[in-house]
């Protein structure tokens, strides 16, 4: 599972860099997926170990990072959508604020990647526990 972590880390780094460059390098917050990818990558490398307890520790740290990233991205997606709907603007008849497509797309992709990663980790943890019982 540590190698899968490195793949997801690389995908998140690429997503962050693409978002940053896609916004004309004006919005440093577009690099947020990159930092999650770097954290996953560091702990992913540390999880590549023959020592089982060390591997378990770092994989649990990785799944926690993934879960926090997913929750953060999901909250930001909802906040972006709610802010564009802005009920005051709708009630007064004015146009709602436009959605930043690159930012919203980056948040959605980050949330999807991290959700898939967390689900794969949970499935791996369950399989490891079952294998230990047998």
N, C-alpha and C. Protein backbone atom coordinates (compact mmCIF):
# COMPACT_ATOMS: atom_id res chain seq x y z
N UNK A 1 0.82 -1.19 0.00
CA UNK A 1 0.00 0.00 0.00
C UNK A 1 0.87 1.26 0.00
N UNK A 2 2.11 1.14 0.46
CA UNK A 2 3.00 2.31 0.48
C UNK A 2 3.29 2.79 -0.94
N UNK A 3 3.40 1.86 -1.88
CA UNK A 3 3.67 2.25 -3.27
C UNK A 3 2.45 2.94 -3.89
N UNK A 4 1.27 2.49 -3.51
CA UNK A 4 0.04 3.16 -3.97
C UNK A 4 -0.01 4.58 -3.43
N UNK A 5 0.45 4.75 -2.21
CA UNK A 5 0.51 6.07 -1.60
C UNK A 5 1.39 7.00 -2.42
N UNK A 6 2.51 6.48 -2.90
CA UNK A 6 3.42 7.31 -3.70
C UNK A 6 2.77 7.71 -5.03
N UNK A 7 1.95 6.85 -5.59
CA UNK A 7 1.23 7.18 -6.84
C UNK A 7 0.24 8.32 -6.57
N UNK A 8 -0.53 8.20 -5.49
CA UNK A 8 -1.49 9.25 -5.17
C UNK A 8 -0.77 10.55 -4.81
N UNK A 9 0.39 10.45 -4.15
CA UNK A 9 1.17 11.64 -3.84
C UNK A 9 1.60 12.35 -5.12
N UNK A 10 2.06 11.59 -6.09
CA UNK A 10 2.48 12.18 -7.37
C UNK A 10 1.29 12.83 -8.08
N UNK A 11 0.13 12.18 -8.04
CA UNK A 11 -1.06 12.75 -8.67
C UNK A 11 -1.47 14.06 -8.01
N UNK A 12 -1.38 14.12 -6.69
CA UNK A 12 -1.75 15.35 -5.98
C UNK A 12 -0.74 16.47 -6.26
N UNK A 13 0.53 16.13 -6.33
CA UNK A 13 1.54 17.15 -6.66
C UNK A 13 1.28 17.69 -8.07
N UNK A 14 1.00 16.80 -9.01
CA UNK A 14 0.71 17.23 -10.38
C UNK A 14 -0.55 18.09 -10.43
N UNK A 15 -1.57 17.71 -9.67
CA UNK A 15 -2.81 18.49 -9.64
C UNK A 15 -2.56 19.89 -9.11
N UNK A 16 -1.79 19.99 -8.03
CA UNK A 16 -1.49 21.30 -7.46
C UNK A 16 -0.70 22.18 -8.42
N UNK A 17 0.29 21.60 -9.05
CA UNK A 17 1.10 22.37 -10.00
C UNK A 17 0.27 22.79 -11.21
N UNK A 18 -0.59 21.90 -11.69
CA UNK A 18 -1.44 22.24 -12.84
C UNK A 18 -2.42 23.36 -12.46
N UNK A 19 -2.97 23.28 -11.27
CA UNK A 19 -3.89 24.34 -10.82
C UNK A 19 -3.18 25.67 -10.66
N UNK A 20 -1.98 25.63 -10.12
CA UNK A 20 -1.21 26.85 -9.92
C UNK A 20 -0.84 27.48 -11.26
N UNK A 21 -0.34 26.66 -12.17
CA UNK A 21 0.02 27.18 -13.48
C UNK A 21 -1.21 27.57 -14.29
N UNK A 22 -2.33 26.84 -14.07
CA UNK A 22 -3.57 27.15 -14.78
C UNK A 22 -4.19 28.47 -14.36
N UNK A 23 -3.85 28.94 -13.16
CA UNK A 23 -4.35 30.24 -12.71
C UNK A 23 -3.36 31.35 -13.01
N UNK A 24 -2.36 31.05 -13.81
CA UNK A 24 -1.36 32.06 -14.16
C UNK A 24 -0.37 32.33 -13.05
N UNK A 25 -0.19 31.38 -12.18
CA UNK A 25 0.73 31.49 -11.03
C UNK A 25 0.39 32.68 -10.13
N UNK A 26 -0.88 33.02 -10.05
CA UNK A 26 -1.31 34.16 -9.25
C UNK A 26 -1.89 33.74 -7.91
N UNK A 27 -2.34 32.50 -7.80
CA UNK A 27 -3.03 32.06 -6.59
C UNK A 27 -2.24 30.93 -5.92
N UNK A 28 -1.46 31.25 -4.89
CA UNK A 28 -0.66 30.21 -4.23
C UNK A 28 -1.51 29.15 -3.52
N UNK A 29 -2.77 29.45 -3.25
CA UNK A 29 -3.63 28.44 -2.62
C UNK A 29 -3.91 27.28 -3.57
N UNK A 30 -3.66 27.47 -4.85
CA UNK A 30 -3.83 26.37 -5.81
C UNK A 30 -2.81 25.27 -5.56
N UNK A 31 -1.78 25.57 -4.77
CA UNK A 31 -0.74 24.58 -4.46
C UNK A 31 -1.11 23.69 -3.28
N UNK A 32 -2.27 23.87 -2.68
CA UNK A 32 -2.67 23.06 -1.52
C UNK A 32 -2.63 21.56 -1.82
N UNK A 33 -3.14 21.09 -2.96
CA UNK A 33 -3.00 19.65 -3.25
C UNK A 33 -1.55 19.19 -3.30
N UNK A 34 -0.66 20.07 -3.74
CA UNK A 34 0.76 19.72 -3.79
C UNK A 34 1.30 19.44 -2.40
N UNK A 35 0.91 20.24 -1.42
CA UNK A 35 1.41 20.04 -0.05
C UNK A 35 0.87 18.75 0.55
N UNK A 36 -0.38 18.43 0.25
CA UNK A 36 -0.90 17.14 0.70
C UNK A 36 -0.15 16.00 0.02
N UNK A 37 0.17 16.18 -1.26
CA UNK A 37 0.94 15.17 -1.98
C UNK A 37 2.34 15.00 -1.43
N UNK A 38 2.97 16.11 -1.07
CA UNK A 38 4.32 16.04 -0.49
C UNK A 38 4.27 15.30 0.85
N UNK A 39 3.27 15.62 1.68
CA UNK A 39 3.15 14.94 2.98
C UNK A 39 2.92 13.44 2.78
N UNK A 40 2.02 13.08 1.86
CA UNK A 40 1.78 11.67 1.58
C UNK A 40 3.04 11.00 1.05
N UNK A 41 3.77 11.71 0.21
CA UNK A 41 4.99 11.15 -0.36
C UNK A 41 6.06 10.89 0.69
N UNK A 42 6.24 11.84 1.59
CA UNK A 42 7.25 11.67 2.65
C UNK A 42 6.90 10.46 3.51
N UNK A 43 5.66 10.43 4.00
CA UNK A 43 5.28 9.31 4.86
C UNK A 43 5.13 8.01 4.08
N UNK A 44 4.86 8.11 2.78
CA UNK A 44 4.81 6.92 1.94
C UNK A 44 6.19 6.29 1.82
N UNK A 45 7.21 7.13 1.64
CA UNK A 45 8.58 6.60 1.59
C UNK A 45 8.97 6.00 2.93
N UNK A 46 8.56 6.63 4.01
CA UNK A 46 8.88 6.11 5.33
C UNK A 46 8.14 4.79 5.61
N UNK A 47 7.01 4.59 4.95
CA UNK A 47 6.23 3.36 5.15
C UNK A 47 6.83 2.17 4.41
N UNK A 48 7.72 2.43 3.47
CA UNK A 48 8.39 1.33 2.76
C UNK A 48 9.47 0.80 3.70
N UNK A 49 9.10 -0.17 4.48
CA UNK A 49 10.00 -0.68 5.50
C UNK A 49 9.67 -2.14 5.77
N UNK A 50 10.68 -2.96 6.02
CA UNK A 50 10.39 -4.35 6.39
C UNK A 50 9.82 -4.46 7.81
N UNK A 51 9.99 -3.43 8.62
CA UNK A 51 9.48 -3.42 9.98
C UNK A 51 7.96 -3.18 9.95
N UNK A 52 7.20 -4.18 10.38
CA UNK A 52 5.74 -4.09 10.28
C UNK A 52 5.15 -2.96 11.11
N UNK A 53 5.65 -2.77 12.31
CA UNK A 53 5.07 -1.73 13.17
C UNK A 53 5.36 -0.33 12.60
N UNK A 54 6.53 -0.15 12.02
CA UNK A 54 6.86 1.14 11.39
C UNK A 54 5.96 1.37 10.18
N UNK A 55 5.76 0.35 9.36
CA UNK A 55 4.91 0.45 8.18
C UNK A 55 3.47 0.79 8.59
N UNK A 56 2.97 0.11 9.62
CA UNK A 56 1.61 0.38 10.08
C UNK A 56 1.46 1.81 10.58
N UNK A 57 2.45 2.28 11.33
CA UNK A 57 2.40 3.64 11.86
C UNK A 57 2.31 4.66 10.74
N UNK A 58 3.21 4.56 9.77
CA UNK A 58 3.24 5.55 8.71
C UNK A 58 2.04 5.43 7.77
N UNK A 59 1.51 4.24 7.58
CA UNK A 59 0.31 4.12 6.76
C UNK A 59 -0.91 4.70 7.49
N UNK A 60 -0.96 4.57 8.80
CA UNK A 60 -2.06 5.20 9.54
C UNK A 60 -1.93 6.72 9.51
N UNK A 61 -0.71 7.22 9.56
CA UNK A 61 -0.51 8.67 9.41
C UNK A 61 -0.97 9.11 8.02
N UNK A 62 -0.63 8.33 7.00
CA UNK A 62 -1.03 8.66 5.63
C UNK A 62 -2.54 8.67 5.46
N UNK A 63 -3.22 7.69 6.00
CA UNK A 63 -4.67 7.66 5.83
C UNK A 63 -5.32 8.82 6.59
N UNK A 64 -4.72 9.23 7.69
CA UNK A 64 -5.23 10.40 8.42
C UNK A 64 -5.05 11.67 7.60
N UNK A 65 -3.89 11.82 6.98
CA UNK A 65 -3.66 12.96 6.10
C UNK A 65 -4.66 12.95 4.94
N UNK A 66 -4.87 11.76 4.36
CA UNK A 66 -5.83 11.64 3.27
C UNK A 66 -7.24 12.00 3.69
N UNK A 67 -7.64 11.54 4.86
CA UNK A 67 -8.99 11.84 5.35
C UNK A 67 -9.16 13.33 5.63
N UNK A 68 -8.16 13.94 6.25
CA UNK A 68 -8.23 15.38 6.51
C UNK A 68 -8.28 16.17 5.21
N UNK A 69 -7.49 15.76 4.23
CA UNK A 69 -7.51 16.42 2.93
C UNK A 69 -8.84 16.28 2.24
N UNK A 70 -9.44 15.08 2.31
CA UNK A 70 -10.74 14.88 1.70
C UNK A 70 -11.80 15.77 2.35
N UNK A 71 -11.83 15.77 3.67
CA UNK A 71 -12.83 16.58 4.38
C UNK A 71 -12.64 18.06 4.06
N UNK A 72 -11.39 18.52 4.07
CA UNK A 72 -11.11 19.92 3.75
C UNK A 72 -11.54 20.28 2.34
N UNK A 73 -11.24 19.43 1.39
CA UNK A 73 -11.63 19.70 0.00
C UNK A 73 -13.15 19.68 -0.15
N UNK A 74 -13.81 18.73 0.50
CA UNK A 74 -15.27 18.65 0.41
C UNK A 74 -15.93 19.90 1.01
N UNK A 75 -15.42 20.36 2.14
CA UNK A 75 -15.96 21.58 2.76
C UNK A 75 -15.75 22.78 1.83
N UNK A 76 -14.60 22.87 1.21
CA UNK A 76 -14.33 23.98 0.30
C UNK A 76 -15.21 23.93 -0.95
N UNK A 77 -15.52 22.73 -1.42
CA UNK A 77 -16.43 22.60 -2.57
C UNK A 77 -17.79 23.17 -2.20
N UNK A 78 -18.30 22.78 -1.05
CA UNK A 78 -19.61 23.27 -0.60
C UNK A 78 -19.56 24.78 -0.41
N UNK A 79 -18.49 25.29 0.22
CA UNK A 79 -18.38 26.74 0.43
C UNK A 79 -18.34 27.48 -0.90
N UNK A 80 -17.63 26.95 -1.88
CA UNK A 80 -17.56 27.60 -3.19
C UNK A 80 -18.92 27.66 -3.85
N UNK A 81 -19.64 26.55 -3.78
CA UNK A 81 -20.96 26.51 -4.41
C UNK A 81 -21.96 27.41 -3.69
N UNK A 82 -21.91 27.43 -2.38
CA UNK A 82 -22.84 28.27 -1.62
C UNK A 82 -22.54 29.75 -1.85
N UNK A 83 -21.28 30.10 -1.91
CA UNK A 83 -20.94 31.51 -2.12
C UNK A 83 -21.35 31.99 -3.50
N UNK A 84 -21.37 31.11 -4.48
CA UNK A 84 -21.79 31.53 -5.82
C UNK A 84 -23.30 31.67 -5.90
N UNK A 85 -24.01 30.91 -5.10
CA UNK A 85 -25.46 30.99 -5.12
C UNK A 85 -25.94 32.24 -4.38
N UNK A 86 -25.26 32.63 -3.33
CA UNK A 86 -25.53 33.83 -2.53
C UNK A 86 -26.99 34.27 -2.62
N UNK A 87 -27.74 33.86 -1.65
CA UNK A 87 -29.18 34.10 -1.65
C UNK A 87 -29.54 35.58 -1.73
N UNK A 88 -28.72 36.45 -1.17
CA UNK A 88 -29.03 37.88 -1.25
C UNK A 88 -29.01 38.36 -2.69
N UNK A 89 -28.05 37.88 -3.46
CA UNK A 89 -27.97 38.28 -4.87
C UNK A 89 -29.16 37.73 -5.64
N UNK A 90 -29.58 36.52 -5.33
CA UNK A 90 -30.72 35.93 -6.03
C UNK A 90 -31.99 36.68 -5.69
N UNK A 91 -32.16 37.02 -4.43
CA UNK A 91 -33.37 37.72 -4.00
C UNK A 91 -33.46 39.13 -4.59
N UNK A 92 -32.33 39.81 -4.75
CA UNK A 92 -32.34 41.17 -5.28
C UNK A 92 -32.38 41.19 -6.81
N UNK A 93 -32.25 40.03 -7.42
CA UNK A 93 -32.32 39.94 -8.87
C UNK A 93 -31.00 40.16 -9.57
N UNK A 94 -29.94 40.38 -8.82
CA UNK A 94 -28.64 40.58 -9.45
C UNK A 94 -27.99 39.22 -9.75
N UNK A 95 -26.94 39.27 -10.53
CA UNK A 95 -26.25 38.06 -10.93
C UNK A 95 -25.38 37.54 -9.79
N UNK A 96 -25.37 36.22 -9.54
CA UNK A 96 -24.45 35.67 -8.55
C UNK A 96 -23.02 35.73 -9.07
N UNK A 97 -22.07 35.64 -8.14
CA UNK A 97 -20.65 35.67 -8.52
C UNK A 97 -20.32 34.46 -9.38
N UNK A 98 -19.46 34.65 -10.39
CA UNK A 98 -19.11 33.50 -11.24
C UNK A 98 -18.24 32.49 -10.49
N UNK A 99 -18.34 31.25 -10.90
CA UNK A 99 -17.55 30.18 -10.29
C UNK A 99 -16.19 30.14 -10.96
N UNK A 100 -15.14 30.04 -10.16
CA UNK A 100 -13.79 29.87 -10.71
C UNK A 100 -13.66 28.39 -11.07
N UNK A 101 -13.74 28.09 -12.35
CA UNK A 101 -13.76 26.71 -12.82
C UNK A 101 -12.51 25.92 -12.49
N UNK A 102 -11.35 26.54 -12.59
CA UNK A 102 -10.10 25.83 -12.31
C UNK A 102 -10.04 25.47 -10.83
N UNK A 103 -10.39 26.43 -9.98
CA UNK A 103 -10.33 26.18 -8.53
C UNK A 103 -11.33 25.10 -8.13
N UNK A 104 -12.55 25.21 -8.63
CA UNK A 104 -13.57 24.22 -8.27
C UNK A 104 -13.20 22.84 -8.82
N UNK A 105 -12.70 22.79 -10.03
CA UNK A 105 -12.29 21.51 -10.61
C UNK A 105 -11.15 20.88 -9.83
N UNK A 106 -10.21 21.71 -9.41
CA UNK A 106 -9.08 21.20 -8.62
C UNK A 106 -9.56 20.64 -7.28
N UNK A 107 -10.50 21.34 -6.65
CA UNK A 107 -11.04 20.87 -5.37
C UNK A 107 -11.78 19.54 -5.54
N UNK A 108 -12.56 19.44 -6.61
CA UNK A 108 -13.32 18.21 -6.85
C UNK A 108 -12.37 17.04 -7.13
N UNK A 109 -11.37 17.27 -7.95
CA UNK A 109 -10.40 16.21 -8.26
C UNK A 109 -9.64 15.79 -7.01
N UNK A 110 -9.24 16.77 -6.19
CA UNK A 110 -8.53 16.46 -4.95
C UNK A 110 -9.41 15.63 -4.03
N UNK A 111 -10.67 16.03 -3.88
CA UNK A 111 -11.59 15.29 -3.01
C UNK A 111 -11.77 13.86 -3.53
N UNK A 112 -11.94 13.70 -4.83
CA UNK A 112 -12.13 12.36 -5.40
C UNK A 112 -10.89 11.50 -5.22
N UNK A 113 -9.72 12.06 -5.51
CA UNK A 113 -8.48 11.29 -5.34
C UNK A 113 -8.30 10.84 -3.90
N UNK A 114 -8.51 11.74 -2.97
CA UNK A 114 -8.30 11.40 -1.57
C UNK A 114 -9.37 10.45 -1.04
N UNK A 115 -10.60 10.56 -1.54
CA UNK A 115 -11.64 9.61 -1.14
C UNK A 115 -11.28 8.20 -1.62
N UNK A 116 -10.84 8.10 -2.86
CA UNK A 116 -10.42 6.79 -3.39
C UNK A 116 -9.25 6.25 -2.59
N UNK A 117 -8.29 7.12 -2.27
CA UNK A 117 -7.12 6.70 -1.50
C UNK A 117 -7.52 6.19 -0.12
N UNK A 118 -8.38 6.92 0.57
CA UNK A 118 -8.81 6.50 1.91
C UNK A 118 -9.57 5.18 1.84
N UNK A 119 -10.41 5.02 0.83
CA UNK A 119 -11.16 3.76 0.70
C UNK A 119 -10.20 2.60 0.43
N UNK A 120 -9.19 2.80 -0.40
CA UNK A 120 -8.21 1.75 -0.65
C UNK A 120 -7.44 1.40 0.62
N UNK A 121 -7.09 2.42 1.40
CA UNK A 121 -6.37 2.16 2.66
C UNK A 121 -7.23 1.38 3.63
N UNK A 122 -8.47 1.78 3.78
CA UNK A 122 -9.37 1.07 4.71
C UNK A 122 -9.52 -0.38 4.27
N UNK A 123 -9.70 -0.58 2.98
CA UNK A 123 -9.83 -1.95 2.46
C UNK A 123 -8.56 -2.75 2.74
N UNK A 124 -7.41 -2.13 2.59
CA UNK A 124 -6.15 -2.80 2.86
C UNK A 124 -6.00 -3.12 4.35
N UNK A 125 -6.40 -2.19 5.21
CA UNK A 125 -6.32 -2.42 6.64
C UNK A 125 -7.22 -3.58 7.06
N UNK A 126 -8.41 -3.63 6.49
CA UNK A 126 -9.34 -4.73 6.82
C UNK A 126 -8.76 -6.06 6.35
N UNK A 127 -8.21 -6.08 5.14
CA UNK A 127 -7.62 -7.33 4.62
C UNK A 127 -6.43 -7.78 5.47
N UNK A 128 -5.62 -6.82 5.92
CA UNK A 128 -4.47 -7.17 6.77
C UNK A 128 -4.93 -7.73 8.11
N UNK A 129 -5.96 -7.16 8.67
CA UNK A 129 -6.47 -7.65 9.96
C UNK A 129 -7.05 -9.06 9.81
N UNK A 130 -7.78 -9.29 8.73
CA UNK A 130 -8.35 -10.61 8.48
C UNK A 130 -7.25 -11.65 8.27
N UNK A 131 -6.20 -11.26 7.55
CA UNK A 131 -5.08 -12.19 7.30
C UNK A 131 -4.34 -12.52 8.59
N UNK A 132 -4.28 -11.58 9.51
CA UNK A 132 -3.63 -11.82 10.79
C UNK A 132 -4.41 -12.79 11.66
N UNK A 133 -5.75 -12.77 11.57
CA UNK A 133 -6.60 -13.63 12.39
C UNK A 133 -6.50 -15.07 11.95
N UNK A 134 -6.22 -15.30 10.68
CA UNK A 134 -6.18 -16.67 10.15
C UNK A 134 -4.90 -17.36 10.48
